[in-house]
């Protein structure tokens, strides 16, 4: 008797990247400067001016994605390629570039999955308004969103508003914000967080208005956490850490209201964000169609004497798990924990839009990379995803981080994630030629079998 198929038909398989880590052409085609372009590069690292030159090589790369079997590919639109200063009139050359990319993907049977914002605010908006600390930037984000929905609404079905939105409290600089060095810093953090929630909800509203069959997600980077010990103090610390790191955002995406575990603390401290007229209605009326996560690792949490917003200081290593070269814990079961918890709480479809392992790699004498460790990592995570599906979780897609190698968000080319080796390093662009790794053929079989052949 044949075993029943586990992964649903029409499941989305593919890879995920950002515009700034792949495109290059940072000042071509009318593109303005973003906060990434202006970022100070660490000694020995790279900037993103060329990246992996997807801007000029997208047809070559998409042909490789088709050969791999991708039916979905996630990237982001560069706001500063569409509105060079973040405001004013749109740049037709930038709009045409994404038309060409999306057309090429669709012609090759690959659905574009598009992130509106991936940490690359137009620099002008950071300097002029202090980024998303200003409601003016919320309005400009809505204008940008409406522009791309009108342009690409018939080409793109799946959208994400902000990449890893749950980083906004800890990394407001990713939203173009400079914090004050005074007692109001925490209040500003939560105001920025609120403004980004409102911008997210306005984009959800705009998509549903302009593209009625379009699907919008809220997206978090899901750090599964466990109590460091069975001490009750560590258990409650873990619950509170998860509330702050994960649940706060998913609750807003799915329910459209601030949870009481957050408002009780904000009221107590007197730092409740300023709600403008209709903010509550905007949040409540514009919940998401699906939830999206990146997942890489888990951590353990111990009791911390510090206040709730600093609970991440209670993170400790998990002695039962191995780590990669960058100290990231490898925990496939943690992905299943995340998926089961999310679906139990929200009953919304889930799209895994990032998962992968970064490793230092170079070509061998056969002009390939024998990346069995990547195959093992992805195989183990897909197995746990399949178990979650068997247990009733509605999951409709799985994208690995990278497809080709890309520059990391810190400018590291040595931290390679892809199925396709790109021949460059941090400072030497070499010839940027593409080479298939061993994992290329493996993932091709996974997709051909819809996850049956691992």
Protein backbone atom coordinates (compact mmCIF):
# COMPACT_ATOMS: atom_id res chain seq x y z
CA UNK A 1 0.00 0.00 0.00
CA UNK A 2 1.37 3.41 -1.00
CA UNK A 3 2.17 5.85 1.79
CA UNK A 4 -0.03 8.96 1.71
CA UNK A 5 1.67 12.12 0.49
CA UNK A 6 2.48 14.51 3.31
CA UNK A 7 3.33 17.81 1.62
CA UNK A 8 0.28 19.44 -0.03
CA UNK A 9 0.03 19.72 -3.81
CA UNK A 10 1.06 23.11 -5.22
CA UNK A 11 3.46 23.57 -2.31
CA UNK A 12 5.87 26.45 -2.85
CA UNK A 13 9.55 25.46 -2.95
CA UNK A 14 12.37 27.91 -3.58
CA UNK A 15 14.88 30.36 -2.21
CA UNK A 16 14.87 33.78 -0.58
CA UNK A 17 17.16 36.83 -0.79
CA UNK A 18 17.05 40.61 -0.52
CA UNK A 19 17.54 43.21 -3.21
CA UNK A 20 20.56 44.83 -1.52
CA UNK A 21 22.40 41.53 -0.94
CA UNK A 22 22.01 40.42 -4.56
CA UNK A 23 21.37 43.20 -7.07
CA UNK A 24 24.39 45.47 -6.92
CA UNK A 25 23.97 48.40 -9.34
CA UNK A 26 23.55 50.49 -6.21
CA UNK A 27 23.55 53.82 -8.07
CA UNK A 28 22.36 52.74 -11.52
CA UNK A 29 19.00 52.95 -13.21
CA UNK A 30 18.05 56.06 -11.27
CA UNK A 31 18.36 54.35 -7.89
CA UNK A 32 18.84 56.61 -4.88
CA UNK A 33 21.05 55.95 -1.85
CA UNK A 34 19.70 53.73 0.92
CA UNK A 35 20.79 53.42 4.54
CA UNK A 36 22.55 50.19 3.55
CA UNK A 37 24.58 51.98 0.87
CA UNK A 38 25.72 54.48 3.50
CA UNK A 39 26.50 51.88 6.18
CA UNK A 40 30.07 51.76 7.48
CA UNK A 41 31.69 48.48 6.45
CA UNK A 42 33.70 46.47 8.96
CA UNK A 43 37.40 45.97 8.30
CA UNK A 44 37.88 43.13 5.81
CA UNK A 45 34.20 43.00 4.85
CA UNK A 46 32.47 44.13 1.65
CA UNK A 47 29.98 46.80 0.77
CA UNK A 48 26.94 45.95 -1.35
CA UNK A 49 27.72 48.03 -4.44
CA UNK A 50 28.10 44.98 -6.68
CA UNK A 51 26.77 42.22 -4.41
CA UNK A 52 26.39 39.21 -6.75
CA UNK A 53 25.33 41.40 -9.70
CA UNK A 54 21.81 40.01 -9.98
CA UNK A 55 20.83 43.33 -11.59
CA UNK A 56 22.73 42.34 -14.74
CA UNK A 57 22.62 38.52 -14.37
CA UNK A 58 19.03 37.87 -13.34
CA UNK A 59 18.20 35.90 -16.49
CA UNK A 60 21.17 33.59 -15.94
CA UNK A 61 20.25 33.09 -12.29
CA UNK A 62 16.55 32.53 -12.96
CA UNK A 63 17.45 29.89 -15.55
CA UNK A 64 19.38 28.08 -12.81
CA UNK A 65 16.41 28.43 -10.45
CA UNK A 66 14.17 26.86 -13.08
CA UNK A 67 16.64 23.98 -13.47
CA UNK A 68 16.57 23.55 -9.68
CA UNK A 69 12.81 23.26 -9.88
CA UNK A 70 11.85 26.39 -7.95
CA UNK A 71 8.23 27.41 -8.22
CA UNK A 72 8.71 30.40 -5.87
CA UNK A 73 11.44 32.95 -5.30
CA UNK A 74 11.42 35.61 -2.61
CA UNK A 75 13.22 38.89 -3.01
CA UNK A 76 12.57 42.47 -1.94
CA UNK A 77 11.89 45.64 -3.86
CA UNK A 78 14.37 48.41 -3.22
CA UNK A 79 12.30 51.42 -2.13
CA UNK A 80 15.11 53.74 -3.27
CA UNK A 81 15.06 52.15 -6.74
CA UNK A 82 11.37 53.11 -7.03
CA UNK A 83 11.51 56.45 -5.14
CA UNK A 84 15.18 57.54 -5.13
CA UNK A 85 14.63 59.88 -2.15
CA UNK A 86 11.72 57.95 -0.68
CA UNK A 87 9.28 60.67 -1.74
CA UNK A 88 8.44 62.63 -4.86
CA UNK A 89 7.68 60.89 -8.15
CA UNK A 90 8.45 57.25 -8.94
CA UNK A 91 11.44 56.29 -11.07
CA UNK A 92 10.20 54.54 -14.18
CA UNK A 93 13.53 52.82 -14.85
CA UNK A 94 13.41 51.23 -11.40
CA UNK A 95 9.81 50.11 -11.89
CA UNK A 96 10.73 48.61 -15.26
CA UNK A 97 13.60 46.62 -13.73
CA UNK A 98 11.25 44.75 -11.41
CA UNK A 99 8.76 44.29 -14.25
CA UNK A 100 11.54 42.53 -16.15
CA UNK A 101 12.55 40.37 -13.17
CA UNK A 102 8.98 39.33 -12.35
CA UNK A 103 8.21 38.63 -16.01
CA UNK A 104 11.31 36.43 -16.25
CA UNK A 105 10.36 34.54 -13.09
CA UNK A 106 6.80 33.97 -14.31
CA UNK A 107 7.99 32.88 -17.75
CA UNK A 108 10.02 30.20 -15.98
CA UNK A 109 7.14 28.98 -13.81
CA UNK A 110 8.35 30.74 -10.66
CA UNK A 111 6.06 32.84 -8.47
CA UNK A 112 7.62 36.05 -7.14
CA UNK A 113 7.22 36.37 -3.36
CA UNK A 114 7.94 40.00 -2.60
CA UNK A 115 9.01 41.83 0.55
CA UNK A 116 8.22 45.53 0.55
CA UNK A 117 10.91 46.51 3.04
CA UNK A 118 14.12 44.71 3.99
CA UNK A 119 16.13 47.14 6.16
CA UNK A 120 17.02 49.50 3.28
CA UNK A 121 15.20 52.78 3.87
CA UNK A 122 16.02 55.56 1.40
CA UNK A 123 18.79 57.51 3.14
CA UNK A 124 17.01 60.82 2.58
CA UNK A 125 14.13 59.67 4.81
CA UNK A 126 16.50 58.78 7.61
CA UNK A 127 18.24 62.16 7.48
CA UNK A 128 15.13 64.28 6.96
CA UNK A 129 12.59 62.53 9.20
CA UNK A 130 14.58 60.09 11.40
CA UNK A 131 13.04 57.19 9.53
CA UNK A 132 10.02 55.43 11.00
CA UNK A 133 10.19 57.56 14.13
CA UNK A 134 8.12 59.94 11.99
CA UNK A 135 4.53 59.39 10.88
CA UNK A 136 5.47 61.17 7.66
CA UNK A 137 7.52 58.09 6.73
CA UNK A 138 4.51 55.89 7.51
CA UNK A 139 2.54 57.87 4.93
CA UNK A 140 5.40 57.68 2.42
CA UNK A 141 5.60 53.91 2.92
CA UNK A 142 1.90 53.66 2.12
CA UNK A 143 2.44 55.70 -1.05
CA UNK A 144 5.34 53.44 -2.08
CA UNK A 145 3.25 50.33 -1.32
CA UNK A 146 0.30 51.54 -3.38
CA UNK A 147 2.63 52.36 -6.27
CA UNK A 148 4.07 48.85 -6.47
CA UNK A 149 0.71 47.13 -5.87
CA UNK A 150 -0.79 49.01 -8.81
CA UNK A 151 2.22 48.18 -10.97
CA UNK A 152 2.76 44.52 -10.05
CA UNK A 153 -0.59 43.41 -8.66
CA UNK A 154 -1.26 41.06 -11.57
CA UNK A 155 2.22 39.53 -11.34
CA UNK A 156 2.72 39.02 -7.60
CA UNK A 157 0.29 37.09 -5.40
CA UNK A 158 2.29 36.72 -2.17
CA UNK A 159 3.61 39.78 -0.34
CA UNK A 160 5.35 40.52 2.96
CA UNK A 161 5.38 43.99 4.50
CA UNK A 162 8.53 44.20 6.67
CA UNK A 163 11.27 41.64 6.91
CA UNK A 164 11.66 40.29 10.45
CA UNK A 165 9.49 43.02 11.93
CA UNK A 166 10.16 41.76 15.46
CA UNK A 167 13.67 43.26 15.28
CA UNK A 168 12.24 46.78 15.37
CA UNK A 169 12.55 47.21 19.16
CA UNK A 170 16.10 45.90 19.38
CA UNK A 171 17.41 47.25 16.05
CA UNK A 172 15.52 50.48 15.25
CA UNK A 173 18.47 51.59 13.10
CA UNK A 174 17.23 49.04 10.52
CA UNK A 175 14.21 51.34 10.14
CA UNK A 176 16.40 54.43 9.68
CA UNK A 177 16.02 55.63 13.28
CA UNK A 178 18.64 57.28 15.49
CA UNK A 179 17.65 56.99 19.15
CA UNK A 180 18.08 59.81 21.68
CA UNK A 181 20.69 59.33 24.39
CA UNK A 182 18.35 60.18 27.24
CA UNK A 183 15.61 58.79 29.45
CA UNK A 184 13.13 58.81 26.55
CA UNK A 185 14.95 56.15 24.52
CA UNK A 186 12.63 53.29 25.48
CA UNK A 187 9.56 55.42 24.74
CA UNK A 188 10.96 56.21 21.28
CA UNK A 189 11.61 52.52 20.62
CA UNK A 190 7.97 51.67 21.28
CA UNK A 191 6.77 54.64 19.22
CA UNK A 192 8.84 53.42 16.27
CA UNK A 193 7.43 49.93 16.82
CA UNK A 194 3.89 51.33 16.78
CA UNK A 195 4.53 53.40 13.66
CA UNK A 196 5.82 50.31 11.85
CA UNK A 197 2.71 48.37 12.91
CA UNK A 198 0.53 51.13 11.46
CA UNK A 199 2.58 51.20 8.25
CA UNK A 200 2.18 47.42 8.02
CA UNK A 201 -1.61 47.64 8.49
CA UNK A 202 -1.93 50.42 5.90
CA UNK A 203 -0.05 48.27 3.40
CA UNK A 204 -2.35 45.31 4.14
CA UNK A 205 -5.34 47.59 3.52
CA UNK A 206 -3.85 48.95 0.29
CA UNK A 207 -3.14 45.46 -1.10
CA UNK A 208 -6.65 44.20 -0.36
CA UNK A 209 -8.11 47.34 -1.94
CA UNK A 210 -5.94 47.30 -5.09
CA UNK A 211 -5.37 43.55 -5.54
CA UNK A 212 -8.39 41.77 -3.99
CA UNK A 213 -6.87 38.30 -4.42
CA UNK A 214 -3.42 39.36 -3.16
CA UNK A 215 -2.12 37.73 0.02
CA UNK A 216 -0.20 39.70 2.66
CA UNK A 217 1.85 38.37 5.56
CA UNK A 218 3.36 39.69 8.71
CA UNK A 219 6.85 38.28 9.10
CA UNK A 220 9.08 37.56 12.12
CA UNK A 221 12.38 35.87 12.68
CA UNK A 222 11.32 33.04 14.96
CA UNK A 223 13.81 32.31 17.72
CA UNK A 224 12.44 29.24 19.50
CA UNK A 225 13.28 29.49 23.20
CA UNK A 226 13.30 26.96 26.03
CA UNK A 227 13.67 27.42 29.79
CA UNK A 228 17.35 26.93 30.69
CA UNK A 229 16.31 24.62 33.54
CA UNK A 230 13.12 23.22 35.05
CA UNK A 231 13.17 25.96 37.71
CA UNK A 232 9.82 27.79 37.63
CA UNK A 233 11.72 31.10 37.56
CA UNK A 234 13.33 30.11 34.24
CA UNK A 235 9.98 28.95 32.86
CA UNK A 236 8.27 32.28 33.53
CA UNK A 237 11.32 34.13 32.18
CA UNK A 238 11.03 32.10 28.99
CA UNK A 239 7.31 32.87 28.66
CA UNK A 240 7.96 36.60 29.07
CA UNK A 241 10.87 36.55 26.64
CA UNK A 242 8.74 34.81 24.00
CA UNK A 243 5.95 37.34 24.54
CA UNK A 244 8.33 40.21 23.85
CA UNK A 245 10.38 38.61 21.07
CA UNK A 246 7.66 36.79 19.11
CA UNK A 247 4.06 36.82 20.36
CA UNK A 248 3.66 40.62 20.50
CA UNK A 249 4.12 40.84 16.73
CA UNK A 250 2.15 37.77 15.74
CA UNK A 251 -0.74 38.87 17.97
CA UNK A 252 -0.84 42.24 16.21
CA UNK A 253 -0.64 40.63 12.75
CA UNK A 254 -3.38 38.09 13.47
CA UNK A 255 -5.70 39.92 15.88
CA UNK A 256 -4.97 43.62 15.24
CA UNK A 257 -4.85 44.64 18.90
CA UNK A 258 -2.10 45.23 21.42
CA UNK A 259 -1.90 42.30 23.87
CA UNK A 260 -2.40 43.08 27.55
CA UNK A 261 0.99 41.62 28.50
CA UNK A 262 2.51 44.54 26.57
CA UNK A 263 0.04 47.34 27.40
CA UNK A 264 0.22 46.57 31.14
CA UNK A 265 3.97 47.20 31.10
CA UNK A 266 3.77 50.26 28.86
CA UNK A 267 1.06 51.82 31.05
CA UNK A 268 3.03 51.04 34.18
CA UNK A 269 6.10 52.82 32.79
CA UNK A 270 4.16 55.67 31.21
CA UNK A 271 5.57 54.99 27.74
CA UNK A 272 2.45 53.98 25.80
CA UNK A 273 2.96 55.07 22.16
CA UNK A 274 0.95 57.96 20.78
CA UNK A 275 -2.03 56.60 18.84
CA UNK A 276 -3.29 58.95 16.16
CA UNK A 277 -6.96 59.07 15.23
CA UNK A 278 -8.16 55.75 13.78
CA UNK A 279 -4.92 53.86 14.56
CA UNK A 280 -6.85 51.31 16.59
CA UNK A 281 -9.31 50.81 13.73
CA UNK A 282 -6.55 50.58 11.13
CA UNK A 283 -4.78 47.85 13.12
CA UNK A 284 -7.97 45.96 13.94
CA UNK A 285 -9.40 45.99 10.42
CA UNK A 286 -6.26 44.97 8.53
CA UNK A 287 -5.10 41.63 9.81
CA UNK A 288 -2.96 39.34 7.66
CA UNK A 289 -3.79 36.52 5.25
CA UNK A 290 -0.90 34.32 6.35
CA UNK A 291 2.11 34.31 8.67
CA UNK A 292 5.72 34.18 7.52
CA UNK A 293 8.85 33.27 9.44
CA UNK A 294 12.56 32.97 9.08
CA UNK A 295 13.97 30.21 11.24
CA UNK A 296 17.63 29.46 11.93
CA UNK A 297 18.17 28.55 15.56
CA UNK A 298 16.86 28.22 19.11
CA UNK A 299 18.10 29.49 22.47
CA UNK A 300 17.52 28.87 26.16
CA UNK A 301 16.36 31.49 28.64
CA UNK A 302 17.20 31.81 32.31
CA UNK A 303 15.78 34.11 34.94
CA UNK A 304 17.09 37.64 34.55
CA UNK A 305 16.99 40.37 37.19
CA UNK A 306 16.48 42.95 34.46
CA UNK A 307 13.22 44.37 33.22
CA UNK A 308 11.10 42.64 30.59
CA UNK A 309 12.45 44.49 27.57
CA UNK A 310 15.95 43.35 28.44
CA UNK A 311 15.06 39.69 28.93
CA UNK A 312 17.09 38.68 25.92
CA UNK A 313 20.08 39.20 28.21
CA UNK A 314 18.96 35.95 29.88
CA UNK A 315 19.86 33.90 26.77
CA UNK A 316 22.22 31.01 27.49
CA UNK A 317 23.78 28.29 25.27
CA UNK A 318 21.95 24.99 24.96
CA UNK A 319 24.37 22.22 26.00
CA UNK A 320 22.40 19.59 24.08
CA UNK A 321 22.81 21.16 20.64
CA UNK A 322 25.64 21.81 18.18
CA UNK A 323 26.32 25.20 16.60
CA UNK A 324 27.52 26.39 13.22
CA UNK A 325 30.71 28.42 12.64
CA UNK A 326 28.95 31.60 13.71
CA UNK A 327 27.66 30.14 16.96
CA UNK A 328 24.09 29.65 15.77
CA UNK A 329 22.43 26.66 17.41
CA UNK A 330 21.31 23.91 15.01
CA UNK A 331 17.85 22.77 16.14
CA UNK A 332 15.49 21.29 13.53
CA UNK A 333 12.96 20.28 16.19
CA UNK A 334 12.83 23.93 17.23
CA UNK A 335 11.26 24.68 13.84
CA UNK A 336 8.49 22.18 14.52
CA UNK A 337 7.96 23.69 17.98
CA UNK A 338 7.56 27.11 16.36
CA UNK A 339 5.17 25.91 13.65
CA UNK A 340 2.93 24.00 16.06
CA UNK A 341 2.76 26.89 18.50
CA UNK A 342 1.95 29.44 15.79
CA UNK A 343 -0.80 27.36 14.24
CA UNK A 344 -2.38 26.51 17.58
CA UNK A 345 -2.48 30.20 18.54
CA UNK A 346 -3.54 31.78 15.23
CA UNK A 347 -4.95 29.13 12.84
CA UNK A 348 -3.49 31.01 9.89
CA UNK A 349 -1.56 29.44 6.99
CA UNK A 350 2.23 29.55 7.47
CA UNK A 351 4.92 30.21 4.87
CA UNK A 352 8.51 29.41 5.89
CA UNK A 353 10.32 32.10 3.90
CA UNK A 354 13.87 31.62 5.24
CA UNK A 355 15.81 28.63 6.54
CA UNK A 356 19.42 27.69 5.92
CA UNK A 357 22.99 27.39 7.14
CA UNK A 358 25.92 29.67 6.42
CA UNK A 359 29.32 27.99 5.95
CA UNK A 360 32.78 29.07 4.74
CA UNK A 361 33.25 27.44 1.34
CA UNK A 362 35.53 27.43 -1.70
CA UNK A 363 35.38 25.48 -4.95
CA UNK A 364 37.23 22.17 -5.03
CA UNK A 365 39.27 20.83 -7.96
CA UNK A 366 36.04 19.61 -9.59
CA UNK A 367 34.65 23.16 -9.55
CA UNK A 368 31.92 22.32 -7.07
CA UNK A 369 31.33 22.28 -3.31
CA UNK A 370 30.67 18.99 -1.50
CA UNK A 371 28.22 20.55 0.95
CA UNK A 372 26.83 17.45 2.67
CA UNK A 373 26.43 19.51 5.86
CA UNK A 374 23.93 21.76 4.06
CA UNK A 375 22.03 18.78 2.74
CA UNK A 376 21.89 17.34 6.27
CA UNK A 377 20.76 20.66 7.80
CA UNK A 378 17.98 21.24 5.27
CA UNK A 379 16.89 17.58 5.25
CA UNK A 380 16.46 17.57 9.02
CA UNK A 381 14.46 20.80 8.99
CA UNK A 382 12.21 19.64 6.12
CA UNK A 383 11.58 16.39 8.02
CA UNK A 384 10.41 18.37 11.05
CA UNK A 385 8.26 20.57 8.83
CA UNK A 386 6.64 17.44 7.38
CA UNK A 387 5.94 16.12 10.88
CA UNK A 388 4.24 19.43 11.71
CA UNK A 389 2.10 19.08 8.56
CA UNK A 390 1.17 15.52 9.59
CA UNK A 391 0.17 16.93 12.97
CA UNK A 392 -2.28 19.32 11.33
CA UNK A 393 -0.28 22.51 10.76
CA UNK A 394 -1.22 24.38 7.57
CA UNK A 395 2.08 25.12 5.82
CA UNK A 396 2.08 26.05 2.14
CA UNK A 397 5.70 26.85 1.33
CA UNK A 398 9.36 26.44 2.25
CA UNK A 399 12.11 28.76 1.01
CA UNK A 400 15.77 28.36 1.84
CA UNK A 401 17.86 31.43 2.60
CA UNK A 402 19.89 32.07 -0.49
CA UNK A 403 19.74 30.25 -3.80
CA UNK A 404 22.93 31.63 -5.15
CA UNK A 405 25.46 32.63 -2.51
CA UNK A 406 24.92 36.23 -1.45
CA UNK A 407 26.65 38.81 0.70
CA UNK A 408 25.51 38.59 4.29
CA UNK A 409 23.69 41.50 5.91
CA UNK A 410 27.05 42.48 7.43
CA UNK A 411 28.93 42.23 4.12
CA UNK A 412 30.43 38.74 4.52
CA UNK A 413 30.83 36.74 1.32
CA UNK A 414 32.52 33.95 3.27
CA UNK A 415 29.20 33.13 4.98
CA UNK A 416 27.70 31.14 2.12
CA UNK A 417 24.14 29.80 2.08
CA UNK A 418 23.37 28.95 -1.54
CA UNK A 419 22.97 25.91 -3.75
CA UNK A 420 24.97 27.87 -6.30
CA UNK A 421 28.51 29.09 -5.59
CA UNK A 422 29.22 32.66 -6.73
CA UNK A 423 32.89 33.21 -7.49
CA UNK A 424 33.81 36.31 -5.51
CA UNK A 425 35.08 37.04 -2.02
CA UNK A 426 34.83 40.04 0.29
CA UNK A 427 37.08 42.37 -1.71
CA UNK A 428 37.91 40.52 -4.95
CA UNK A 429 35.00 40.32 -7.37
CA UNK A 430 36.84 37.66 -9.43
CA UNK A 431 34.56 36.73 -12.34
CA UNK A 432 31.25 36.28 -10.43
CA UNK A 433 30.74 33.00 -12.28
CA UNK A 434 28.09 30.59 -10.97
CA UNK A 435 28.84 26.93 -10.06
CA UNK A 436 26.41 24.26 -8.84
CA UNK A 437 27.11 22.72 -5.43
CA UNK A 438 26.27 19.13 -4.48
CA UNK A 439 23.14 20.42 -2.71
CA UNK A 440 21.82 21.72 -6.06
CA UNK A 441 21.09 18.20 -7.32
CA UNK A 442 19.78 17.12 -3.92
CA UNK A 443 17.26 19.97 -3.61
CA UNK A 444 16.20 19.46 -7.22
CA UNK A 445 15.13 15.90 -6.26
CA UNK A 446 13.39 17.15 -3.13
CA UNK A 447 11.29 19.54 -5.21
CA UNK A 448 10.61 16.99 -7.97
CA UNK A 449 9.28 14.58 -5.34
CA UNK A 450 7.40 17.34 -3.46
CA UNK A 451 9.41 16.58 -0.35
CA UNK A 452 9.09 12.79 -0.49
CA UNK A 453 12.70 12.08 -1.56
CA UNK A 454 15.00 13.51 1.08
